[in-house]
N, C-alpha and C. Protein backbone atom coordinates (compact mmCIF):
# COMPACT_ATOMS: atom_id res chain seq x y z
N MET A 1 15.88 26.70 7.10
CA MET A 1 15.89 25.22 7.42
C MET A 1 14.55 24.68 7.10
N PRO A 2 14.55 23.63 6.28
CA PRO A 2 13.22 22.96 5.70
C PRO A 2 12.35 22.36 6.79
N HIS A 3 11.20 22.47 6.65
CA HIS A 3 10.06 22.03 7.54
C HIS A 3 9.94 20.45 7.31
N LEU A 4 9.83 19.68 8.27
CA LEU A 4 9.73 18.22 8.23
C LEU A 4 8.76 17.78 7.02
N TYR A 5 7.76 18.52 6.92
CA TYR A 5 6.77 18.06 5.90
C TYR A 5 6.80 18.76 4.63
N ASP A 6 7.87 19.41 4.32
CA ASP A 6 8.18 20.01 3.00
C ASP A 6 8.55 18.75 2.09
N ILE A 7 8.11 18.83 0.81
CA ILE A 7 8.36 17.77 0.00
C ILE A 7 9.60 18.00 -0.71
N PRO A 8 10.71 17.19 -0.60
CA PRO A 8 11.87 17.32 -1.22
C PRO A 8 11.76 17.23 -2.69
N ALA A 9 12.76 17.71 -3.44
CA ALA A 9 12.78 17.50 -4.72
C ALA A 9 13.00 15.98 -5.07
N GLY A 10 12.27 15.38 -6.13
CA GLY A 10 12.37 14.00 -6.49
C GLY A 10 11.52 13.07 -5.63
N TYR A 11 10.73 13.63 -4.69
CA TYR A 11 9.89 12.85 -3.83
C TYR A 11 9.04 11.98 -4.52
N GLU A 12 8.13 12.55 -5.57
CA GLU A 12 7.12 11.88 -6.25
C GLU A 12 7.63 10.79 -7.06
N THR A 13 8.94 11.06 -7.61
CA THR A 13 9.47 9.91 -8.45
C THR A 13 9.91 8.93 -7.55
N ARG A 14 10.52 9.09 -6.42
CA ARG A 14 10.94 8.25 -5.41
C ARG A 14 9.75 7.31 -4.86
N MET A 15 8.71 8.01 -4.68
CA MET A 15 7.42 7.28 -4.17
C MET A 15 6.91 6.36 -5.32
N ARG A 16 7.12 6.95 -6.43
CA ARG A 16 6.52 5.95 -7.55
C ARG A 16 7.45 4.83 -7.81
N ILE A 17 8.73 4.89 -7.63
CA ILE A 17 9.52 3.62 -7.60
C ILE A 17 9.24 2.87 -6.47
N LEU A 18 9.09 3.32 -5.30
CA LEU A 18 8.68 2.47 -4.13
C LEU A 18 7.35 1.77 -4.28
N LYS A 19 6.33 2.46 -4.87
CA LYS A 19 5.11 1.77 -5.03
C LYS A 19 5.15 0.71 -6.09
N ALA A 20 5.94 0.78 -7.12
CA ALA A 20 6.29 -0.29 -8.09
C ALA A 20 6.85 -1.42 -7.27
N LEU A 21 7.95 -1.07 -6.48
CA LEU A 21 8.68 -2.23 -5.80
C LEU A 21 7.82 -2.87 -4.91
N SER A 22 6.97 -2.17 -4.16
CA SER A 22 6.06 -2.69 -3.13
C SER A 22 5.14 -3.66 -3.73
N GLU A 23 4.55 -3.33 -4.96
CA GLU A 23 3.67 -4.23 -5.75
C GLU A 23 4.43 -5.54 -6.10
N MET A 24 5.67 -5.48 -6.57
CA MET A 24 6.41 -6.58 -6.96
C MET A 24 6.88 -7.41 -5.83
N LEU A 25 7.12 -6.88 -4.70
CA LEU A 25 7.43 -7.51 -3.33
C LEU A 25 6.22 -8.47 -2.92
N ARG A 26 5.07 -8.36 -3.43
CA ARG A 26 3.93 -9.06 -3.09
C ARG A 26 4.09 -10.58 -3.53
N ASN A 27 4.81 -10.64 -4.64
CA ASN A 27 4.89 -12.03 -5.39
C ASN A 27 6.33 -12.56 -5.38
N GLN A 28 7.27 -11.73 -5.03
CA GLN A 28 8.65 -12.35 -4.97
C GLN A 28 9.51 -11.57 -4.05
N PRO A 29 10.63 -12.17 -3.56
CA PRO A 29 11.48 -11.47 -2.54
C PRO A 29 12.28 -10.49 -3.31
N LEU A 30 12.82 -9.65 -2.42
CA LEU A 30 13.63 -8.43 -2.93
C LEU A 30 14.74 -8.88 -3.79
N GLU A 31 15.47 -9.90 -3.44
CA GLU A 31 16.58 -10.54 -4.17
C GLU A 31 16.16 -10.86 -5.50
N ALA A 32 15.03 -11.18 -5.81
CA ALA A 32 14.72 -11.66 -7.01
C ALA A 32 14.14 -10.50 -8.00
N VAL A 33 14.07 -9.28 -7.57
CA VAL A 33 13.48 -8.21 -8.14
C VAL A 33 14.71 -7.46 -8.74
N THR A 34 14.70 -7.11 -10.06
CA THR A 34 15.84 -6.25 -10.73
C THR A 34 15.27 -4.79 -10.90
N VAL A 35 16.28 -4.08 -10.99
CA VAL A 35 16.01 -2.67 -11.30
C VAL A 35 15.32 -2.42 -12.59
N SER A 36 15.60 -3.17 -13.59
CA SER A 36 14.76 -3.15 -14.79
C SER A 36 13.43 -3.39 -14.67
N GLU A 37 13.13 -4.37 -13.85
CA GLU A 37 11.63 -4.66 -13.59
C GLU A 37 10.92 -3.53 -12.94
N ILE A 38 11.73 -3.02 -11.87
CA ILE A 38 11.01 -1.87 -11.11
C ILE A 38 10.76 -0.77 -12.11
N CYS A 39 11.71 -0.47 -12.94
CA CYS A 39 11.74 0.76 -13.91
C CYS A 39 10.41 0.41 -14.90
N ALA A 40 10.29 -0.78 -15.29
CA ALA A 40 9.16 -1.01 -16.20
C ALA A 40 7.74 -0.88 -15.53
N GLN A 41 7.84 -1.45 -14.14
CA GLN A 41 6.57 -1.48 -13.43
C GLN A 41 6.08 0.09 -13.09
N ALA A 42 7.22 0.77 -12.87
CA ALA A 42 7.03 2.32 -12.59
C ALA A 42 6.97 3.25 -13.83
N ASP A 43 7.17 2.70 -14.96
CA ASP A 43 7.16 3.37 -16.12
C ASP A 43 8.15 4.66 -16.18
N LEU A 44 9.25 4.14 -15.73
CA LEU A 44 10.61 5.03 -15.79
C LEU A 44 11.69 4.57 -16.43
N SER A 45 12.67 5.31 -16.80
CA SER A 45 13.84 4.84 -17.28
C SER A 45 14.92 4.50 -16.30
N ARG A 46 15.86 3.61 -16.57
CA ARG A 46 16.81 3.16 -15.60
C ARG A 46 17.72 4.44 -15.04
N THR A 47 17.85 5.36 -16.11
CA THR A 47 18.50 6.78 -15.64
C THR A 47 17.71 7.49 -14.54
N SER A 48 16.49 7.44 -14.74
CA SER A 48 15.68 8.14 -13.57
C SER A 48 15.75 7.49 -12.33
N PHE A 49 15.68 6.14 -12.38
CA PHE A 49 16.03 5.29 -11.09
C PHE A 49 17.22 5.70 -10.39
N TYR A 50 18.32 5.67 -11.21
CA TYR A 50 19.62 5.84 -10.61
C TYR A 50 19.93 7.31 -10.29
N ARG A 51 19.14 8.17 -10.84
CA ARG A 51 19.40 9.45 -10.33
C ARG A 51 18.76 9.70 -8.93
N HIS A 52 17.89 8.79 -8.49
CA HIS A 52 17.33 8.83 -7.14
C HIS A 52 17.99 7.86 -6.12
N PHE A 53 18.34 6.69 -6.63
CA PHE A 53 18.83 5.60 -5.82
C PHE A 53 20.13 4.95 -6.29
N VAL A 54 21.01 4.53 -5.43
CA VAL A 54 22.18 3.72 -5.90
C VAL A 54 21.76 2.41 -6.46
N ASP A 55 20.84 1.82 -5.76
CA ASP A 55 20.30 0.42 -6.02
C ASP A 55 19.06 0.17 -5.55
N LYS A 56 18.39 -0.98 -5.69
CA LYS A 56 17.18 -1.30 -5.11
C LYS A 56 17.20 -1.26 -3.46
N TYR A 57 18.32 -1.59 -3.04
CA TYR A 57 18.38 -1.52 -1.46
C TYR A 57 18.46 -0.09 -0.98
N GLY A 58 19.07 0.68 -1.80
CA GLY A 58 18.91 2.20 -1.56
C GLY A 58 17.42 2.72 -1.38
N ALA A 59 16.69 2.26 -2.29
CA ALA A 59 15.14 2.66 -2.35
C ALA A 59 14.57 2.14 -1.00
N VAL A 60 14.86 0.89 -0.57
CA VAL A 60 14.16 0.44 0.76
C VAL A 60 14.55 1.17 1.87
N ASN A 61 16.08 1.45 1.90
CA ASN A 61 16.65 2.09 3.14
C ASN A 61 16.15 3.68 3.03
N TRP A 62 15.85 4.38 1.92
CA TRP A 62 15.41 5.72 1.94
C TRP A 62 13.97 5.57 2.64
N TYR A 63 13.21 4.74 2.16
CA TYR A 63 11.91 4.54 2.62
C TYR A 63 11.88 4.38 4.27
N ASN A 64 12.62 3.51 4.65
CA ASN A 64 12.77 3.28 5.98
C ASN A 64 13.13 4.50 6.92
N GLN A 65 14.04 5.18 6.28
CA GLN A 65 14.58 6.45 7.06
C GLN A 65 13.44 7.51 6.88
N LEU A 66 12.69 7.67 5.83
CA LEU A 66 11.59 8.54 5.83
C LEU A 66 10.51 8.18 6.80
N PHE A 67 10.13 6.79 6.94
CA PHE A 67 9.11 6.33 7.87
C PHE A 67 9.53 6.72 9.28
N ASP A 68 10.87 6.29 9.63
CA ASP A 68 11.48 6.58 10.91
C ASP A 68 11.36 7.99 11.30
N GLN A 69 11.69 8.98 10.39
CA GLN A 69 11.66 10.56 10.62
C GLN A 69 10.27 10.90 10.89
N ARG A 70 9.25 10.43 10.14
CA ARG A 70 7.88 10.81 10.19
C ARG A 70 7.40 10.17 11.54
N SER A 71 7.64 9.06 11.90
CA SER A 71 7.22 8.48 13.21
C SER A 71 7.64 9.03 14.32
N LEU A 72 9.04 9.44 14.38
CA LEU A 72 9.68 10.15 15.55
C LEU A 72 9.05 11.59 15.65
N ALA A 73 8.76 12.19 14.54
CA ALA A 73 8.18 13.53 14.54
C ALA A 73 6.65 13.62 15.25
N GLN A 74 6.01 12.54 15.08
CA GLN A 74 4.85 12.32 15.65
C GLN A 74 4.65 12.04 17.15
N ILE A 75 5.77 11.50 17.73
CA ILE A 75 5.74 11.15 19.10
C ILE A 75 5.48 12.29 19.97
N GLY A 76 4.44 12.26 20.79
CA GLY A 76 3.98 13.38 21.58
C GLY A 76 2.98 14.16 20.91
N ARG A 77 2.74 14.08 19.76
CA ARG A 77 1.70 14.70 19.17
C ARG A 77 0.44 13.83 18.84
N SER A 78 0.72 12.79 18.01
CA SER A 78 -0.50 11.82 17.70
C SER A 78 -0.12 10.42 18.18
N MET A 79 1.15 10.20 18.64
CA MET A 79 1.68 8.88 18.99
C MET A 79 2.41 8.96 20.19
N THR A 80 2.36 7.71 20.88
CA THR A 80 3.24 7.82 22.11
C THR A 80 4.29 6.58 22.00
N TRP A 81 5.18 6.36 22.76
CA TRP A 81 6.08 5.42 22.80
C TRP A 81 5.38 4.14 23.05
């Protein structure tokens, strides 16, 4: 069974995509951002993007799930309810 903090395959690429998306969201809403723009910002091909995410909303959802998992794992360790 994988440990919570093991880095899954593709994690670095996913985070690169999310970093590019987050930079773009400073200036425009998610609805206005395209996958092509995200790929250009992240210096990745569209094939790489779609290898990791179904669409731009899938990228946001993946990050939210990752954040939730890590936050819940810290409850009782370094965080409280």
